[in-house]
Protein backbone atom coordinates (compact mmCIF):
# COMPACT_ATOMS: atom_id res chain seq x y z
CA UNK A 1 208.17 70.80 122.36
CA UNK A 2 210.66 73.08 123.71
CA UNK A 3 211.31 76.64 123.02
CA UNK A 4 213.93 77.60 120.00
CA UNK A 5 217.43 77.52 122.08
CA UNK A 6 220.36 80.00 121.38
CA UNK A 7 223.70 78.97 122.09
CA UNK A 8 226.88 81.70 122.95
CA UNK A 9 229.16 82.19 119.87
CA UNK A 10 233.01 80.75 120.24
CA UNK A 11 234.22 83.98 119.43
CA UNK A 12 232.55 85.55 122.70
CA UNK A 13 235.63 82.55 124.53
CA UNK A 14 238.82 85.26 126.03
CA UNK A 15 240.47 82.50 127.47
CA UNK A 16 240.17 78.57 128.47
CA UNK A 17 238.04 80.04 131.77
CA UNK A 18 235.18 82.12 129.83
CA UNK A 19 235.47 79.15 127.32
CA UNK A 20 234.63 76.68 129.91
CA UNK A 21 231.81 78.42 131.38
CA UNK A 22 230.19 79.11 128.10
CA UNK A 23 230.46 75.84 127.10
CA UNK A 24 229.29 74.79 130.29
CA UNK A 25 226.16 77.35 129.83
CA UNK A 26 225.49 76.13 126.25
CA UNK A 27 225.41 72.31 127.64
CA UNK A 28 222.55 73.46 130.42
CA UNK A 29 220.57 75.13 127.14
CA UNK A 30 220.79 71.83 125.36
CA UNK A 31 219.60 69.40 128.37
CA UNK A 32 217.03 71.62 129.40
CA UNK A 33 215.94 71.26 125.48
CA UNK A 34 216.41 67.48 125.59
CA UNK A 35 214.11 67.09 128.54
CA UNK A 36 211.67 69.01 127.14
CA UNK A 37 211.32 67.25 123.55
CA UNK A 38 209.38 63.79 123.44
CA UNK A 39 211.91 60.47 123.50
CA UNK A 40 211.82 58.96 120.52
CA UNK A 41 212.74 55.46 121.69
CA UNK A 42 209.86 55.71 124.43
CA UNK A 43 212.13 56.65 127.39
CA UNK A 44 210.92 59.09 130.03
CA UNK A 45 210.09 61.68 130.86
CA UNK A 46 208.25 62.10 127.38
CA UNK A 47 207.37 59.15 125.40
CA UNK A 48 207.59 59.98 121.80
CA UNK A 49 206.37 56.05 120.25
CA UNK A 50 203.73 55.46 122.62
CA UNK A 51 201.57 58.94 121.55
CA UNK A 52 202.85 59.46 117.93
CA UNK A 53 204.33 57.51 115.19
CA UNK A 54 205.90 60.63 113.30
CA UNK A 55 207.17 57.91 110.00
CA UNK A 56 202.87 57.10 109.46
CA UNK A 57 201.36 60.72 110.91
CA UNK A 58 199.63 59.19 113.68
CA UNK A 59 198.47 60.09 116.99
CA UNK A 60 198.44 57.32 119.20
CA UNK A 61 196.66 57.20 122.45
CA UNK A 62 194.80 60.34 121.78
CA UNK A 63 192.49 60.99 125.29
CA UNK A 64 188.74 61.62 125.21
CA UNK A 65 187.75 65.06 124.69
CA UNK A 66 186.88 67.27 127.68
CA UNK A 67 185.56 70.57 125.75
CA UNK A 68 183.90 71.03 122.43
CA UNK A 69 186.99 72.24 121.05
CA UNK A 70 189.30 68.95 121.23
CA UNK A 71 189.78 66.33 118.48
CA UNK A 72 187.68 63.54 118.33
CA UNK A 73 188.46 60.16 118.14
CA UNK A 74 186.82 56.90 116.06
CA UNK A 75 186.16 55.38 119.54
CA UNK A 76 184.40 58.55 120.65
CA UNK A 77 181.33 57.61 117.46
CA UNK A 78 177.85 56.45 118.76
CA UNK A 79 177.90 52.53 117.44
CA UNK A 80 180.69 53.04 115.31
CA UNK A 81 179.61 56.12 113.68
CA UNK A 82 181.63 59.14 113.48
CA UNK A 83 179.37 62.25 113.81
CA UNK A 84 180.47 65.40 112.24
CA UNK A 85 178.31 68.50 112.89
CA UNK A 86 179.43 70.77 109.26
CA UNK A 87 180.18 74.38 109.37
CA UNK A 88 177.50 76.84 107.59
CA UNK A 89 175.00 73.44 106.45
CA UNK A 90 171.70 73.45 107.97
CA UNK A 91 171.76 69.74 108.92
CA UNK A 92 172.03 68.60 112.54
CA UNK A 93 172.59 64.82 113.71
CA UNK A 94 170.73 64.60 117.20
CA UNK A 95 173.13 61.92 118.50
CA UNK A 96 175.99 64.77 118.08
CA UNK A 97 174.26 66.54 120.59
CA UNK A 98 174.00 63.57 123.08
CA UNK A 99 170.67 61.92 122.04
CA UNK A 100 171.24 58.03 122.38
CA UNK A 101 168.31 56.49 120.56
CA UNK A 102 168.72 53.26 122.61
CA UNK A 103 164.57 53.32 123.70
CA UNK A 104 165.82 53.71 127.43
CA UNK A 105 167.37 57.24 127.43
CA UNK A 106 165.07 60.89 127.46
CA UNK A 107 166.42 62.14 124.30
CA UNK A 108 163.92 65.31 124.35
CA UNK A 109 166.80 68.16 125.60
CA UNK A 110 169.29 66.88 123.05
CA UNK A 111 166.90 66.99 120.40
CA UNK A 112 166.02 70.42 120.73
CA UNK A 113 169.48 71.52 121.59
CA UNK A 114 169.78 70.14 117.58
CA UNK A 115 167.10 72.17 116.25
CA UNK A 116 167.83 75.10 118.13
CA UNK A 117 171.40 74.49 116.48
CA UNK A 118 171.04 75.39 112.85
CA UNK A 119 167.36 74.11 112.12
CA UNK A 120 167.00 72.57 108.52
CA UNK A 121 167.43 69.26 108.70
CA UNK A 122 167.19 67.21 111.85
CA UNK A 123 168.91 63.93 111.41
CA UNK A 124 167.67 60.63 113.66
CA UNK A 125 170.25 57.68 112.96
CA UNK A 126 168.45 54.09 113.32
CA UNK A 127 167.41 53.98 116.73
CA UNK A 128 164.39 54.66 119.13
CA UNK A 129 164.28 57.93 120.68
CA UNK A 130 162.04 58.29 124.12
CA UNK A 131 160.71 61.96 124.09
CA UNK A 132 158.79 63.61 127.16
CA UNK A 133 157.23 66.74 125.61
CA UNK A 134 156.74 68.07 121.98
CA UNK A 135 158.89 68.91 119.69
CA UNK A 136 158.02 71.51 117.43
CA UNK A 137 158.59 71.84 114.28
CA UNK A 138 158.71 74.90 111.83
CA UNK A 139 159.56 76.31 108.42
CA UNK A 140 162.30 74.86 107.11
CA UNK A 141 162.77 72.14 109.53
CA UNK A 142 162.66 68.66 108.12
CA UNK A 143 162.78 65.48 110.49
CA UNK A 144 164.38 62.62 108.67
CA UNK A 145 165.24 59.49 110.26
CA UNK A 146 166.76 56.01 108.05
CA UNK A 147 163.21 54.51 107.66
CA UNK A 148 159.82 54.68 108.88
CA UNK A 149 160.47 50.89 110.79
CA UNK A 150 164.49 51.77 111.72
CA UNK A 151 164.15 55.71 113.38
CA UNK A 152 161.18 56.03 115.78
CA UNK A 153 160.06 58.77 118.41
CA UNK A 154 158.47 57.44 120.84
CA UNK A 155 156.45 58.71 123.82
CA UNK A 156 158.28 58.40 127.37
CA UNK A 157 156.24 56.08 129.18
CA UNK A 158 154.18 56.48 132.65
CA UNK A 159 153.62 60.59 131.74
CA UNK A 160 150.50 61.91 130.38
CA UNK A 161 150.05 61.75 127.10
CA UNK A 162 151.01 65.15 124.37
CA UNK A 163 151.49 65.81 121.08
CA UNK A 164 154.95 64.26 119.73
CA UNK A 165 155.14 66.51 116.89
CA UNK A 166 153.26 69.79 116.54
CA UNK A 167 153.50 73.18 114.34
CA UNK A 168 154.55 75.86 115.78
CA UNK A 169 151.53 78.27 116.92
CA UNK A 170 149.27 75.33 116.70
CA UNK A 171 146.99 76.10 119.51
CA UNK A 172 146.10 79.26 118.71
CA UNK A 173 146.00 79.26 115.12
CA UNK A 174 143.75 76.14 114.66
CA UNK A 175 139.98 76.86 113.83
CA UNK A 176 141.24 80.93 113.24
CA UNK A 177 141.41 80.70 109.62
CA UNK A 178 144.66 82.06 110.26
CA UNK A 179 147.44 82.11 107.05
CA UNK A 180 150.56 83.10 109.17
CA UNK A 181 152.24 79.80 109.63
CA UNK A 182 154.33 77.18 108.96
CA UNK A 183 155.18 75.88 105.50
CA UNK A 184 157.99 73.80 103.58
CA UNK A 185 158.54 71.39 106.45
CA UNK A 186 158.30 67.89 106.64
CA UNK A 187 158.73 64.38 108.30
CA UNK A 188 160.58 62.17 106.56
CA UNK A 189 161.59 57.87 106.67
CA UNK A 190 160.54 58.29 110.46
CA UNK A 191 158.49 56.54 112.67
CA UNK A 192 156.30 58.00 115.69
CA UNK A 193 154.71 56.02 118.59
CA UNK A 194 152.46 57.42 120.75
CA UNK A 195 152.67 54.88 123.21
CA UNK A 196 149.31 54.67 124.23
CA UNK A 197 149.39 51.59 126.19
CA UNK A 198 151.70 52.91 128.77
CA UNK A 199 150.90 56.68 129.43
CA UNK A 200 149.40 57.43 132.90
CA UNK A 201 146.50 59.60 131.48
CA UNK A 202 145.24 61.97 129.18
CA UNK A 203 144.48 61.86 125.46
CA UNK A 204 145.97 63.97 122.51
CA UNK A 205 147.00 63.68 118.85
CA UNK A 206 150.53 62.13 117.81
CA UNK A 207 151.04 64.66 115.17
CA UNK A 208 149.34 68.22 115.05
CA UNK A 209 150.00 70.20 111.99
CA UNK A 210 148.50 73.93 110.86
CA UNK A 211 150.08 74.68 107.88
CA UNK A 212 150.56 74.01 103.99
CA UNK A 213 152.61 73.11 101.31
CA UNK A 214 154.69 70.33 103.24
CA UNK A 215 155.90 67.05 103.06
CA UNK A 216 155.00 63.69 105.03
CA UNK A 217 156.88 60.62 103.37
CA UNK A 218 157.96 57.10 104.40
CA UNK A 219 155.96 57.79 107.90
CA UNK A 220 154.29 55.68 110.38
CA UNK A 221 152.33 56.94 112.90
CA UNK A 222 150.68 54.07 115.54
CA UNK A 223 149.70 53.50 119.04
CA UNK A 224 147.84 57.18 119.58
CA UNK A 225 145.76 58.30 122.55
CA UNK A 226 143.98 60.57 120.12
CA UNK A 227 144.12 60.89 116.12
CA UNK A 228 146.86 59.62 114.46
CA UNK A 229 147.55 62.59 112.51
CA UNK A 230 145.26 65.92 112.41
CA UNK A 231 146.29 68.69 109.79
CA UNK A 232 144.68 72.00 109.22
CA UNK A 233 145.01 74.82 106.97
CA UNK A 234 143.00 78.05 106.26
CA UNK A 235 140.19 78.30 103.65
CA UNK A 236 142.95 80.65 101.93
CA UNK A 237 143.72 80.42 98.21
CA UNK A 238 146.66 82.97 97.75
CA UNK A 239 149.99 81.90 98.92
CA UNK A 240 151.05 84.07 102.20
CA UNK A 241 153.67 86.70 101.52
CA UNK A 242 157.13 85.03 101.77
CA UNK A 243 155.50 81.47 101.03
CA UNK A 244 156.72 81.09 97.73
CA UNK A 245 154.65 80.03 94.35
CA UNK A 246 154.20 76.44 94.93
CA UNK A 247 150.85 74.50 95.41
CA UNK A 248 149.52 74.80 98.72
CA UNK A 249 148.89 71.37 99.83
CA UNK A 250 150.50 69.15 101.10
CA UNK A 251 152.44 66.09 99.44
CA UNK A 252 152.06 62.19 101.61
CA UNK A 253 153.51 59.63 100.36
CA UNK A 254 153.62 55.79 101.91
CA UNK A 255 151.97 57.12 105.25
CA UNK A 256 150.79 54.01 107.67
CA UNK A 257 148.87 55.13 110.36
CA UNK A 258 147.12 52.23 112.82
CA UNK A 259 146.13 51.45 116.17
CA UNK A 260 145.36 54.96 117.39
CA UNK A 261 142.29 55.06 119.35
CA UNK A 262 140.35 57.66 117.29
CA UNK A 263 140.49 58.55 113.63
CA UNK A 264 143.85 57.36 111.60
CA UNK A 265 144.06 60.59 109.77
CA UNK A 266 141.39 63.71 110.24
CA UNK A 267 142.26 65.88 107.30
CA UNK A 268 141.31 69.70 107.76
CA UNK A 269 143.70 71.05 105.27
CA UNK A 270 145.42 72.10 103.23
CA UNK A 271 143.13 72.02 100.32
CA UNK A 272 144.93 70.70 96.89
CA UNK A 273 147.11 68.14 98.78
CA UNK A 274 147.99 65.00 97.57
CA UNK A 275 148.22 61.49 98.93
CA UNK A 276 149.54 58.85 97.60
CA UNK A 277 150.09 55.32 99.09
CA UNK A 278 148.42 55.60 102.30
CA UNK A 279 147.43 52.93 104.86
CA UNK A 280 144.82 53.83 107.98
CA UNK A 281 143.69 50.64 109.57
CA UNK A 282 143.20 49.22 112.94
CA UNK A 283 141.97 52.74 114.34
CA UNK A 284 139.51 53.53 116.46
CA UNK A 285 137.18 56.36 115.50
CA UNK A 286 138.01 55.33 111.69
CA UNK A 287 140.50 55.40 108.61
CA UNK A 288 140.09 58.50 107.43
CA UNK A 289 137.98 61.75 108.17
CA UNK A 290 137.77 65.03 105.57
CA UNK A 291 136.10 67.77 106.58
CA UNK A 292 135.94 71.67 105.75
CA UNK A 293 134.09 74.71 107.44
CA UNK A 294 134.31 78.26 107.63
CA UNK A 295 137.81 78.49 108.75
CA UNK A 296 139.25 75.77 107.25
CA UNK A 297 139.26 73.74 103.33
CA UNK A 298 140.10 70.53 102.42
CA UNK A 299 138.59 70.57 98.82
CA UNK A 300 140.04 69.52 96.16
CA UNK A 301 143.02 66.88 97.50
CA UNK A 302 143.62 63.82 95.57
CA UNK A 303 143.85 60.26 96.57
CA UNK A 304 145.75 57.44 95.26
CA UNK A 305 146.44 54.23 96.15
CA UNK A 306 144.46 54.84 99.48
CA UNK A 307 143.46 52.05 101.69
CA UNK A 308 141.30 52.16 104.69
CA UNK A 309 140.82 49.01 106.54
CA UNK A 310 139.81 47.46 109.74
CA UNK A 311 138.88 50.05 111.23
CA UNK A 312 135.87 50.83 114.29
CA UNK A 313 133.90 53.05 112.35
CA UNK A 314 133.68 54.54 108.66
CA UNK A 315 136.35 53.44 106.80
CA UNK A 316 136.72 56.63 104.16
CA UNK A 317 134.53 59.77 105.17
CA UNK A 318 133.77 63.17 103.23
CA UNK A 319 131.88 64.94 105.44
CA UNK A 320 131.79 68.93 104.58
CA UNK A 321 130.17 69.74 107.85
CA UNK A 322 129.79 73.72 107.58
CA UNK A 323 132.26 73.87 104.54
CA UNK A 324 132.29 72.00 101.36
CA UNK A 325 134.73 68.95 100.22
CA UNK A 326 135.54 67.59 96.50
CA UNK A 327 137.30 64.52 96.85
CA UNK A 328 139.28 62.89 93.88
CA UNK A 329 139.94 59.09 93.95
CA UNK A 330 141.75 56.53 92.39
CA UNK A 331 142.28 53.43 93.71
CA UNK A 332 140.24 53.89 97.01
CA UNK A 333 139.89 50.73 99.19
CA UNK A 334 137.70 50.13 102.14
CA UNK A 335 137.24 46.93 103.71
CA UNK A 336 136.35 45.17 106.88
CA UNK A 337 135.56 48.49 109.22
CA UNK A 338 132.58 48.12 111.39
CA UNK A 339 130.75 51.06 109.61
CA UNK A 340 130.19 52.02 106.43
CA UNK A 341 133.53 51.27 103.75
CA UNK A 342 132.99 55.19 101.81
CA UNK A 343 130.60 57.73 102.90
CA UNK A 344 130.15 60.69 101.45
CA UNK A 345 127.85 63.27 103.17
CA UNK A 346 125.30 66.01 101.55
CA UNK A 347 128.11 68.79 101.99
CA UNK A 348 130.65 66.79 99.68
CA UNK A 349 131.13 64.90 96.64
CA UNK A 350 133.58 62.73 95.27
CA UNK A 351 135.11 61.73 91.46
CA UNK A 352 137.53 59.46 90.57
CA UNK A 353 137.53 55.71 89.52
CA UNK A 354 138.47 52.27 90.86
CA UNK A 355 136.82 52.37 94.58
CA UNK A 356 136.08 48.88 96.28
CA UNK A 357 134.35 48.61 99.58
CA UNK A 358 134.23 44.80 100.73
CA UNK A 359 133.09 43.34 103.82
CA UNK A 360 132.03 46.51 105.94
CA UNK A 361 130.04 46.53 108.63
CA UNK A 362 127.58 48.96 107.26
CA UNK A 363 126.71 50.14 103.50
CA UNK A 364 129.69 49.30 101.14
CA UNK A 365 129.43 52.98 99.51
CA UNK A 366 127.19 55.81 100.87
CA UNK A 367 126.88 58.48 98.19
CA UNK A 368 124.65 61.61 99.39
CA UNK A 369 126.21 64.07 97.57
CA UNK A 370 123.89 67.22 96.39
CA UNK A 371 124.80 66.71 92.89
CA UNK A 372 128.31 66.13 90.94
CA UNK A 373 129.74 62.74 92.42
CA UNK A 374 130.93 60.71 89.32
CA UNK A 375 132.35 57.56 89.56
CA UNK A 376 133.50 54.83 87.51
CA UNK A 377 134.78 50.94 87.95
CA UNK A 378 132.90 50.71 91.35
CA UNK A 379 132.54 47.40 92.96
CA UNK A 380 130.95 46.84 96.16
CA UNK A 381 130.70 43.11 97.60
CA UNK A 382 130.00 41.33 100.61
CA UNK A 383 128.88 44.23 103.30
CA UNK A 384 126.24 43.97 105.54
CA UNK A 385 124.23 46.44 104.11
CA UNK A 386 123.34 47.93 101.06
CA UNK A 387 126.34 47.60 98.30
CA UNK A 388 125.93 51.11 96.60
CA UNK A 389 123.48 53.82 98.32
CA UNK A 390 122.54 56.96 96.22
CA UNK A 391 120.66 59.39 98.42
CA UNK A 392 121.86 62.21 96.68
CA UNK A 393 120.47 63.86 93.70
CA UNK A 394 122.30 64.80 89.70
CA UNK A 395 125.04 62.11 90.59
CA UNK A 396 125.94 59.32 88.04
CA UNK A 397 127.52 55.76 88.64
CA UNK A 398 128.82 53.57 85.95
CA UNK A 399 130.93 50.34 85.36
CA UNK A 400 130.12 48.74 88.44
CA UNK A 401 129.82 45.48 90.14
CA UNK A 402 127.78 45.40 93.92
CA UNK A 403 127.03 41.29 94.77
CA UNK A 404 126.72 39.58 97.81
CA UNK A 405 125.53 42.02 99.83
CA UNK A 406 123.16 42.01 103.26
CA UNK A 407 120.46 44.20 101.44
CA UNK A 408 120.04 45.66 97.99
CA UNK A 409 122.80 45.76 95.81
CA UNK A 410 121.90 49.07 94.80
CA UNK A 411 119.59 51.13 95.86
CA UNK A 412 118.44 55.15 95.56
CA UNK A 413 116.44 57.32 96.79
CA UNK A 414 117.67 60.62 95.63
CA UNK A 415 116.70 61.72 92.00
CA UNK A 416 117.91 62.99 88.49
CA UNK A 417 120.62 60.25 89.21
CA UNK A 418 122.48 58.50 86.26
CA UNK A 419 123.42 54.69 86.92
CA UNK A 420 122.82 52.56 83.91
CA UNK A 421 121.40 49.17 84.50
CA UNK A 422 123.64 48.15 81.42
CA UNK A 423 126.82 49.14 82.84
CA UNK A 424 126.13 47.18 86.13
CA UNK A 425 126.80 43.65 87.25
CA UNK A 426 124.34 43.37 90.24
CA UNK A 427 123.35 40.06 91.64
CA UNK A 428 123.50 37.46 94.63
CA UNK A 429 122.44 40.21 97.11
CA UNK A 430 120.35 39.54 100.41
CA UNK A 431 117.20 41.76 99.43
CA UNK A 432 116.48 42.96 96.26
CA UNK A 433 119.15 43.96 93.57
CA UNK A 434 118.00 47.05 92.69
CA UNK A 435 115.92 49.49 95.04
CA UNK A 436 114.35 52.83 93.88
CA UNK A 437 112.36 54.05 96.81
CA UNK A 438 112.79 57.63 96.01
CA UNK A 439 112.10 59.96 93.16
CA UNK A 440 114.56 58.78 90.47
CA UNK A 441 114.09 59.82 86.89
CA UNK A 442 115.00 57.92 83.76
CA UNK A 443 117.45 55.22 85.36
CA UNK A 444 115.70 52.57 85.52
CA UNK A 445 112.57 53.31 82.77
CA UNK A 446 112.18 50.83 80.07
CA UNK A 447 114.87 48.39 81.31
CA UNK A 448 113.85 44.97 80.67
CA UNK A 449 112.93 42.63 83.51
CA UNK A 450 115.91 40.30 82.62
CA UNK A 451 118.37 43.30 84.10
CA UNK A 452 117.39 42.43 87.54
CA UNK A 453 115.25 45.82 88.22
CA UNK A 454 111.99 44.20 88.76
CA UNK A 455 110.92 42.29 91.31
CA UNK A 456 107.50 39.86 91.77
CA UNK A 457 105.00 38.88 93.79
CA UNK A 458 102.12 36.59 93.74
CA UNK A 459 98.25 37.80 94.59
CA UNK A 460 96.49 35.67 97.17
CA UNK A 461 93.37 34.93 98.20
CA UNK A 462 90.96 36.09 95.26
CA UNK A 463 91.32 38.77 92.50
CA UNK A 464 90.67 41.84 94.25
CA UNK A 465 93.22 40.71 96.98
CA UNK A 466 95.84 43.97 97.38
CA UNK A 467 99.68 43.21 97.09
CA UNK A 468 102.67 45.07 98.02
CA UNK A 469 105.68 45.44 95.62
CA UNK A 470 108.05 48.58 96.23
CA UNK A 471 110.05 48.78 92.71
CA UNK A 472 109.56 50.76 89.48
CA UNK A 473 109.24 48.18 87.33
CA UNK A 474 108.07 44.60 88.47
CA UNK A 475 105.71 41.58 88.06
CA UNK A 476 102.27 40.54 89.69
CA UNK A 477 100.99 36.88 89.59
CA UNK A 478 97.64 37.34 89.70
CA UNK A 479 94.98 34.63 91.52
CA UNK A 480 93.51 32.19 89.84
CA UNK A 481 90.40 33.02 89.68
CA UNK A 482 87.12 33.82 88.03
CA UNK A 483 86.42 37.26 85.55
CA UNK A 484 82.90 38.06 83.88
CA UNK A 485 82.77 39.46 80.46
CA UNK A 486 82.13 43.41 80.60
CA UNK A 487 83.05 43.26 84.21
CA UNK A 488 85.67 45.54 85.85
CA UNK A 489 87.49 44.13 88.70
CA UNK A 490 90.49 45.53 90.24
CA UNK A 491 92.93 45.48 93.06
CA UNK A 492 95.16 47.87 94.85
CA UNK A 493 99.09 47.58 94.53
CA UNK A 494 100.84 49.20 97.29
CA UNK A 495 104.44 50.53 96.10
CA UNK A 496 106.52 53.20 98.17
CA UNK A 497 107.66 54.55 95.23
CA UNK A 498 104.97 55.66 92.98
CA UNK A 499 103.80 59.77 93.51
CA UNK A 500 100.98 60.76 92.06
CA UNK A 501 102.31 62.94 89.12
CA UNK A 502 103.94 59.77 87.64
CA UNK A 503 102.54 57.49 84.95
CA UNK A 504 102.12 53.89 84.99
CA UNK A 505 101.90 51.48 81.87
CA UNK A 506 100.26 47.64 82.71
CA UNK A 507 100.10 45.16 80.11
CA UNK A 508 98.75 41.39 80.93
CA UNK A 509 99.99 38.31 79.79
CA UNK A 510 99.86 34.76 80.53
CA UNK A 511 96.91 32.43 79.60
CA UNK A 512 94.08 34.19 78.10
CA UNK A 513 95.52 37.45 78.08
CA UNK A 514 94.47 38.51 74.94
CA UNK A 515 90.87 38.54 76.14
CA UNK A 516 91.61 41.27 78.88
CA UNK A 517 92.44 44.87 79.43
CA UNK A 518 94.26 46.03 81.95
CA UNK A 519 95.31 49.35 82.85
CA UNK A 520 96.57 51.56 85.97
CA UNK A 521 94.43 53.90 88.19
CA UNK A 522 93.81 55.90 91.40
CA UNK A 523 97.45 56.79 90.84
CA UNK A 524 98.30 58.58 94.38
CA UNK A 525 101.66 59.01 96.79
CA UNK A 526 102.27 55.21 97.82
CA UNK A 527 99.74 53.34 95.90
CA UNK A 528 97.74 52.66 92.74
CA UNK A 529 94.98 50.18 90.97
CA UNK A 530 94.93 47.65 88.42
CA UNK A 531 91.52 47.54 87.05
CA UNK A 532 90.81 44.56 84.65
CA UNK A 533 88.15 44.26 82.31
CA UNK A 534 87.38 40.75 80.49
CA UNK A 535 86.10 40.54 76.88
CA UNK A 536 85.11 36.82 77.83
CA UNK A 537 84.12 34.93 81.13
CA UNK A 538 87.00 33.01 81.86
CA UNK A 539 88.62 31.35 84.78
CA UNK A 540 92.57 31.95 84.92
CA UNK A 541 95.62 33.35 86.40
CA UNK A 542 96.75 36.60 84.79
CA UNK A 543 100.23 38.01 84.59
CA UNK A 544 100.20 42.12 85.08
CA UNK A 545 103.47 43.64 84.21
CA UNK A 546 104.23 47.02 85.12
CA UNK A 547 106.72 50.33 85.02
CA UNK A 548 106.38 53.75 86.64
CA UNK A 549 107.47 56.20 84.38
CA UNK A 550 108.22 59.16 87.21
CA UNK A 551 106.14 62.59 86.28
CA UNK A 552 108.16 66.15 85.72
CA UNK A 553 107.68 67.33 89.09
CA UNK A 554 109.01 64.66 90.91
C-alpha cells in the first residue's frame, strides 16, 4: 500500500497559472498513489484479485515461508497435518523441527532439537523415525507417540549398535547406588526397534534407565542386540530431595518386549515397581530377570498379568544375587521357554497366586527360597522336568496342579515346607507323582496311599533280598517264600530320604498277615531294615507298608 497522500488546498490558488500548476502536482501525487496500490481488477502492476480476496478475508497464493517468522500455509503441513509450536507450553512436535518419520531420513538432529527446545512432551506423529545416536531422556521429559505399532524409533542400519533411549548420566551412575538421577519421565505409546539384523557391529541394550518414579505404557521394544529394557535404581528408600512424595517405583503397563538377543527385561530397580499386562517372548537370554545387589534393589515389585513365553532360557527369574528380591505376583504365565518356566533362587522369595507353567524345557516352577515363599493356585503341566520343585525351606504352596511332566509332579528337597497333598492334583507324571528326597517334615506324614505319596516295589529272589524305594511312605510286596515260626528274618530297604534320627512305622498285610510281627530296625542315613517274626511256619507273600516320620533334628 502507498503512504498517505496530501493534496495542496484550493485556497492556495492565486491565478489560473497557479491553479493549473497545483492541480497538476496533485494529479502526480494521485497517480503515484494509485500505482502503489493493489489493483482490484487484477491489472498490472499489482494484481489484487490474484493475491487477496477482500470480501472473504482470504489471502491467496501465499508463498512458502523462508524464515521462522513468516506465516505458514496449510500445504506446508506434513502429510496434511498443520504443525503449530505452542508458546509457553512444554510440548514439541518433532516434525515441526524437521523430522520426517519416513523410515529413510535420519531424524536424530531434529528430535534432539525438539528435546532441547522446551523439554516436556516430545510428540512423535505416526511414522518410523531413523535414529543414528542415543536420545537422552531426563526428568520431566516424556516421549509420546500415537501407539506402539504406529510410531517407531528405529536404529539406523549399517552402523554399530547403540542404545536408542537412555537416561542422563546412566553410564556414570549404574552400579554406584547414586540418587541424583532422573525421575518423573516416560515412554508412552511408542515402539523402539534395535534393528539387530542390520547393525554393522557390536551390541547394546535398546533402553537403559537409571531412575525412579517413571512411566512406560503402550510400548514395544524389539530386535535389541542385547537386553531390550534395562532398568536400575539404588537401594535408597527415601525420596531424594526435589523428587516429590510419590512412591519410588516405576509403573510399567502394556509393555511388549520380544526378539532381543539377551533378556527381554533385566530389572535392577526401582524397587516397589508395578508391572501390569507385560509380555516378554522370543528373547535369546530369557524373558525377565529380577535382581538385587548392594548397590541396586528390585525387591517388593508387583507383577500382574505377566507372560514370559518361548524364550531361550528361563521365562521369569528372581535371582537376588548379593541382595534380596521379593516378588509379588498375580497371573504369572511362563510357557515354552527352553529353561525353567518360573525360577526363584536362594536369595529371593515369591508371594502371590495364579501361577502357570507349561511346556518349558526344564522344570516348570522352581522355589529355592530360604524361607517365606507363599503361593496358591499353581499349575505346572507338560514340562520337561519336575512340575513343582521346592529346594528351599519353610515355604508354602496350596491349591496346585502338576500333571504330565517328564519327571516328578512335585519334588521337595528342603525342610519345613507346607505343601498339603489334599489341596493338590498330581497325576500322569513320568516319574513318581511326589518325591521327598530331602528333609521334609510334616507334609507327607500320615497321608493315605491313595493320595499319591507312596510308591511300590516288589522283592525278588528271596525273603531276604534288599529293595530300594525312595519315598516317605510306600509298599513293599514281599517275595513268596518260606517263614519259620519263632525265627526272625529280615531284609534291607535302601531309601535316600531316611536319616538316623527318623522313626519308621511298619505293618504287614495280605494273606497270613495276622501271624507276623514286622518292625523297622538298623535305621541309618540312607537305609533301614524290616525284620519279620512269624508266629507260625508258612510260605506266603507278605505286603509291608511303611511311613517315615522325620526326626526333630532333620
